[in-house]
N, C-alpha and C. Protein backbone atom coordinates (compact mmCIF):
# COMPACT_ATOMS: atom_id res chain seq x y z
N MET A 1 -31.53 -92.88 38.71
CA MET A 1 -32.35 -93.12 37.71
C MET A 1 -33.73 -93.07 37.67
N ALA A 2 -34.73 -93.24 38.77
CA ALA A 2 -35.71 -93.09 38.97
C ALA A 2 -36.15 -92.05 39.18
N LEU A 3 -35.13 -91.42 39.41
CA LEU A 3 -35.64 -89.89 39.69
C LEU A 3 -35.52 -88.59 37.89
N ALA A 4 -35.06 -89.31 37.34
CA ALA A 4 -34.58 -88.50 35.90
C ALA A 4 -36.08 -87.82 35.43
N LEU A 5 -36.57 -89.15 34.94
CA LEU A 5 -38.20 -88.66 34.22
C LEU A 5 -38.63 -87.58 35.23
N PRO A 6 -39.16 -87.12 36.53
CA PRO A 6 -39.43 -86.07 36.94
C PRO A 6 -38.88 -84.78 36.89
N THR A 7 -36.97 -85.36 37.45
CA THR A 7 -36.10 -84.18 37.23
C THR A 7 -36.39 -83.62 35.79
N ILE A 8 -36.81 -83.95 34.77
CA ILE A 8 -36.50 -83.74 33.31
C ILE A 8 -37.90 -82.49 32.79
N GLY A 9 -38.77 -83.61 33.37
CA GLY A 9 -40.20 -82.74 33.42
C GLY A 9 -40.34 -81.43 34.32
N LEU A 10 -39.60 -81.53 35.24
CA LEU A 10 -39.79 -80.08 36.17
C LEU A 10 -38.57 -78.94 35.63
N LEU A 11 -37.49 -79.39 34.80
CA LEU A 11 -36.90 -78.75 34.15
C LEU A 11 -37.43 -78.11 33.12
N PHE A 12 -38.09 -78.96 32.37
CA PHE A 12 -39.30 -78.85 31.17
C PHE A 12 -40.38 -77.42 31.38
N TRP A 13 -40.83 -77.81 32.71
CA TRP A 13 -41.76 -77.07 33.08
C TRP A 13 -41.44 -75.52 33.21
N LEU A 14 -40.01 -75.42 34.46
CA LEU A 14 -39.62 -74.07 34.69
C LEU A 14 -39.57 -73.46 33.24
N TYR A 15 -38.69 -74.35 32.27
CA TYR A 15 -38.26 -73.25 31.10
C TYR A 15 -39.58 -73.00 30.73
N SER A 16 -40.81 -73.87 30.44
CA SER A 16 -41.87 -73.69 29.55
C SER A 16 -42.43 -72.11 30.57
N GLN A 17 -42.38 -71.80 31.60
CA GLN A 17 -43.01 -71.08 32.44
C GLN A 17 -42.03 -69.63 32.26
N TRP A 18 -40.61 -69.75 32.41
CA TRP A 18 -39.60 -68.43 32.10
C TRP A 18 -40.30 -68.11 30.31
N GLN A 19 -40.80 -69.16 29.43
CA GLN A 19 -41.07 -68.89 27.89
C GLN A 19 -41.79 -67.84 28.34
N ASP A 20 -43.18 -68.58 28.48
CA ASP A 20 -44.31 -67.83 28.67
C ASP A 20 -44.05 -66.36 29.85
N THR A 21 -43.27 -66.36 30.64
CA THR A 21 -43.14 -64.68 31.05
C THR A 21 -42.41 -63.58 30.04
N ARG A 22 -41.75 -64.57 29.07
CA ARG A 22 -41.06 -63.84 28.05
C ARG A 22 -41.91 -63.06 26.91
N LEU A 23 -42.94 -64.09 26.47
CA LEU A 23 -43.83 -64.48 25.23
C LEU A 23 -44.80 -62.91 26.33
N VAL A 24 -45.54 -63.19 26.97
CA VAL A 24 -46.22 -62.49 27.92
C VAL A 24 -45.78 -60.72 27.93
N THR A 25 -44.28 -60.48 28.27
CA THR A 25 -43.70 -59.32 28.16
C THR A 25 -43.50 -58.72 26.61
N MET A 26 -43.21 -59.25 26.03
CA MET A 26 -43.24 -59.37 24.36
C MET A 26 -44.46 -58.64 23.75
N GLN A 27 -45.39 -59.79 24.20
CA GLN A 27 -46.78 -59.58 23.38
C GLN A 27 -46.90 -57.71 24.38
N GLY A 28 -46.84 -57.36 25.31
CA GLY A 28 -47.18 -56.12 25.47
C GLY A 28 -45.95 -54.94 25.42
N GLN A 29 -44.86 -55.55 24.70
CA GLN A 29 -44.22 -54.32 24.33
C GLN A 29 -44.54 -54.72 21.87
N VAL A 30 -45.93 -55.14 21.58
CA VAL A 30 -45.96 -54.86 20.61
C VAL A 30 -46.58 -53.89 20.49
N PRO A 31 -48.03 -53.88 21.36
CA PRO A 31 -48.38 -52.44 21.56
C PRO A 31 -48.00 -51.40 21.06
N GLU A 32 -47.40 -50.59 21.94
CA GLU A 32 -45.93 -50.07 22.17
C GLU A 32 -46.03 -49.72 20.91
N ALA A 33 -44.92 -50.70 19.78
CA ALA A 33 -43.91 -50.38 18.92
C ALA A 33 -45.21 -50.02 17.53
N GLN A 34 -46.15 -50.77 17.70
CA GLN A 34 -47.34 -50.34 16.52
C GLN A 34 -47.64 -49.17 16.56
N GLN A 35 -47.94 -48.45 18.05
CA GLN A 35 -48.21 -47.16 17.79
C GLN A 35 -46.75 -46.29 18.09
N SER A 36 -45.82 -46.43 18.12
CA SER A 36 -44.58 -45.63 17.82
C SER A 36 -44.57 -45.41 15.94
N ALA A 37 -44.93 -46.48 15.79
CA ALA A 37 -44.28 -46.84 14.00
C ALA A 37 -45.48 -45.93 13.39
N SER A 38 -46.92 -45.86 14.11
CA SER A 38 -47.86 -45.49 13.45
C SER A 38 -47.99 -43.82 13.52
N GLU A 39 -47.56 -43.44 15.23
CA GLU A 39 -46.62 -41.82 15.22
C GLU A 39 -45.80 -41.40 14.32
N ALA A 40 -44.26 -42.66 13.88
CA ALA A 40 -43.31 -42.08 12.87
C ALA A 40 -43.84 -41.55 11.73
N SER A 41 -44.93 -43.04 11.37
CA SER A 41 -45.29 -42.90 9.67
C SER A 41 -46.03 -41.27 9.23
N SER A 42 -47.43 -41.22 10.74
CA SER A 42 -47.67 -40.03 10.59
C SER A 42 -46.82 -38.51 10.97
N LYS A 43 -45.87 -38.46 11.38
CA LYS A 43 -44.66 -37.44 11.10
C LYS A 43 -44.19 -37.40 9.48
N VAL A 44 -43.95 -38.43 9.18
CA VAL A 44 -43.14 -38.67 8.26
C VAL A 44 -44.14 -37.84 6.96
N SER A 45 -45.24 -38.18 6.93
CA SER A 45 -45.99 -37.26 5.79
C SER A 45 -46.49 -36.16 6.19
N LYS A 46 -46.37 -35.72 7.50
CA LYS A 46 -46.12 -34.52 7.55
C LYS A 46 -44.88 -33.92 7.13
N VAL A 47 -43.91 -34.18 7.58
CA VAL A 47 -42.90 -33.50 7.17
C VAL A 47 -42.69 -33.57 5.83
N SER A 48 -42.93 -34.60 5.41
CA SER A 48 -42.74 -34.72 4.09
C SER A 48 -43.82 -33.14 3.29
N ASP A 49 -44.66 -33.33 3.32
CA ASP A 49 -46.02 -31.99 3.19
C ASP A 49 -45.02 -30.85 3.37
N ARG A 50 -44.60 -30.92 4.72
CA ARG A 50 -44.06 -29.22 4.52
C ARG A 50 -42.15 -29.10 3.58
N LEU A 51 -41.58 -30.22 3.50
CA LEU A 51 -40.84 -30.18 2.47
C LEU A 51 -41.50 -29.51 1.15
N TYR A 52 -42.89 -30.60 1.13
CA TYR A 52 -43.05 -30.42 -0.52
C TYR A 52 -42.85 -28.51 -0.62
N ILE A 53 -43.68 -28.01 0.82
CA ILE A 53 -44.63 -26.72 0.63
C ILE A 53 -43.25 -25.94 0.76
N VAL A 54 -41.95 -26.04 1.20
CA VAL A 54 -41.10 -25.11 1.19
C VAL A 54 -40.06 -25.18 -0.26
N GLU A 55 -39.90 -26.08 -0.68
CA GLU A 55 -39.39 -26.43 -2.27
C GLU A 55 -40.47 -26.04 -3.15
N THR A 56 -41.58 -25.45 -3.13
CA THR A 56 -42.45 -24.97 -4.20
C THR A 56 -42.03 -23.60 -3.92
N THR A 57 -42.11 -23.22 -2.73
CA THR A 57 -42.41 -21.42 -1.93
C THR A 57 -40.58 -21.53 -2.46
N SER A 58 -39.39 -22.06 -2.28
CA SER A 58 -38.19 -21.47 -2.95
C SER A 58 -37.96 -21.27 -4.85
N SER A 59 -39.08 -22.38 -4.73
CA SER A 59 -39.24 -22.45 -6.88
C SER A 59 -39.77 -21.35 -7.33
N GLU A 60 -41.23 -20.64 -6.67
CA GLU A 60 -41.69 -20.19 -7.17
C GLU A 60 -40.62 -18.57 -6.65
N LYS A 61 -40.28 -18.43 -5.73
CA LYS A 61 -39.13 -17.41 -5.27
C LYS A 61 -37.96 -16.71 -6.31
N PHE A 62 -37.24 -18.04 -6.65
CA PHE A 62 -36.56 -18.51 -7.90
C PHE A 62 -37.04 -17.88 -9.16
N GLN A 63 -37.97 -18.74 -9.22
CA GLN A 63 -38.80 -18.07 -10.47
C GLN A 63 -39.02 -16.51 -10.88
N SER A 64 -39.68 -16.43 -9.67
CA SER A 64 -40.17 -14.93 -9.61
C SER A 64 -38.59 -14.25 -10.25
N ALA A 65 -37.65 -14.22 -9.60
CA ALA A 65 -36.20 -13.47 -9.06
C ALA A 65 -35.79 -13.71 -11.09
N THR A 66 -35.82 -14.96 -11.05
CA THR A 66 -34.91 -15.00 -12.37
C THR A 66 -36.01 -14.29 -13.55
N LEU A 67 -37.07 -14.33 -13.47
CA LEU A 67 -37.75 -13.47 -14.36
C LEU A 67 -37.60 -11.90 -14.54
N THR A 68 -37.62 -11.38 -13.14
CA THR A 68 -37.10 -10.24 -12.83
C THR A 68 -36.21 -9.62 -13.36
N ARG A 69 -34.94 -10.43 -13.43
CA ARG A 69 -33.79 -10.60 -13.66
C ARG A 69 -33.76 -10.52 -15.37
N LEU A 70 -34.52 -11.04 -15.84
CA LEU A 70 -34.69 -11.20 -17.76
C LEU A 70 -35.44 -10.27 -17.84
N ASP A 71 -36.13 -9.69 -17.13
CA ASP A 71 -37.09 -8.10 -17.55
C ASP A 71 -36.25 -7.29 -17.83
N ARG A 72 -35.31 -7.06 -16.56
CA ARG A 72 -33.87 -6.03 -16.56
C ARG A 72 -32.85 -6.00 -17.85
N VAL A 73 -32.92 -7.26 -18.19
CA VAL A 73 -31.60 -7.64 -19.12
C VAL A 73 -32.55 -7.24 -20.65
N GLN A 74 -33.36 -7.71 -20.64
CA GLN A 74 -34.30 -7.03 -21.63
C GLN A 74 -34.93 -5.82 -22.41
N ASP A 75 -35.28 -5.03 -20.72
CA ASP A 75 -35.26 -3.62 -20.57
C ASP A 75 -33.61 -2.94 -21.36
N SER A 76 -32.36 -3.43 -20.80
CA SER A 76 -31.25 -2.97 -21.12
C SER A 76 -30.75 -2.89 -22.88
N ILE A 77 -31.25 -4.31 -23.31
CA ILE A 77 -31.09 -4.39 -24.60
C ILE A 77 -32.02 -3.85 -25.51
N VAL A 78 -32.73 -3.92 -25.14
CA VAL A 78 -33.95 -2.45 -26.01
C VAL A 78 -33.13 -0.78 -25.71
N GLY A 79 -32.98 -0.76 -24.30
CA GLY A 79 -32.12 0.85 -24.17
C GLY A 79 -30.91 0.83 -24.84
N LEU A 80 -30.05 0.19 -24.59
CA LEU A 80 -28.89 0.14 -25.88
C LEU A 80 -29.36 -0.06 -27.43
N SER A 81 -30.36 -0.66 -27.48
CA SER A 81 -30.45 -0.44 -29.24
C SER A 81 -30.77 1.07 -29.68
N ASN A 82 -31.87 1.43 -28.14
CA ASN A 82 -32.81 2.84 -29.00
C ASN A 82 -31.43 3.73 -28.90
N ALA A 83 -30.64 3.63 -28.31
CA ALA A 83 -29.20 4.57 -27.48
C ALA A 83 -28.81 5.20 -29.13
N PRO A 84 -28.74 6.04 -29.26
CA PRO A 84 -28.29 7.06 -30.01
C PRO A 84 -26.36 6.66 -30.50
N SER A 85 -26.12 6.21 -31.34
CA SER A 85 -24.89 5.42 -32.07
C SER A 85 -23.89 6.92 -31.88
N PRO A 86 -22.47 6.68 -31.25
CA PRO A 86 -21.55 7.55 -31.38
C PRO A 86 -20.93 7.37 -32.73
N ARG A 87 -20.74 8.97 -33.05
CA ARG A 87 -19.81 8.85 -34.50
C ARG A 87 -18.65 9.31 -34.44
């Protein structure tokens, strides 16, 4: 019974030292995680910008092709209306 209190104190001290080493390890990992998060954030914005550019380019190509087809259809309609009618 006389050694119970010193034993409990020793166990608590060992546990607190173990917790301190874990906290130091975790604190060392925090800057790495923050750096990875900021790099991921910047890469996401770059990918988003690229995706926007690709979507805009694809949309412009589609609109251009559609307008070209509509012009051809209109020319065909005009050509058919100007054609002599068969008798």
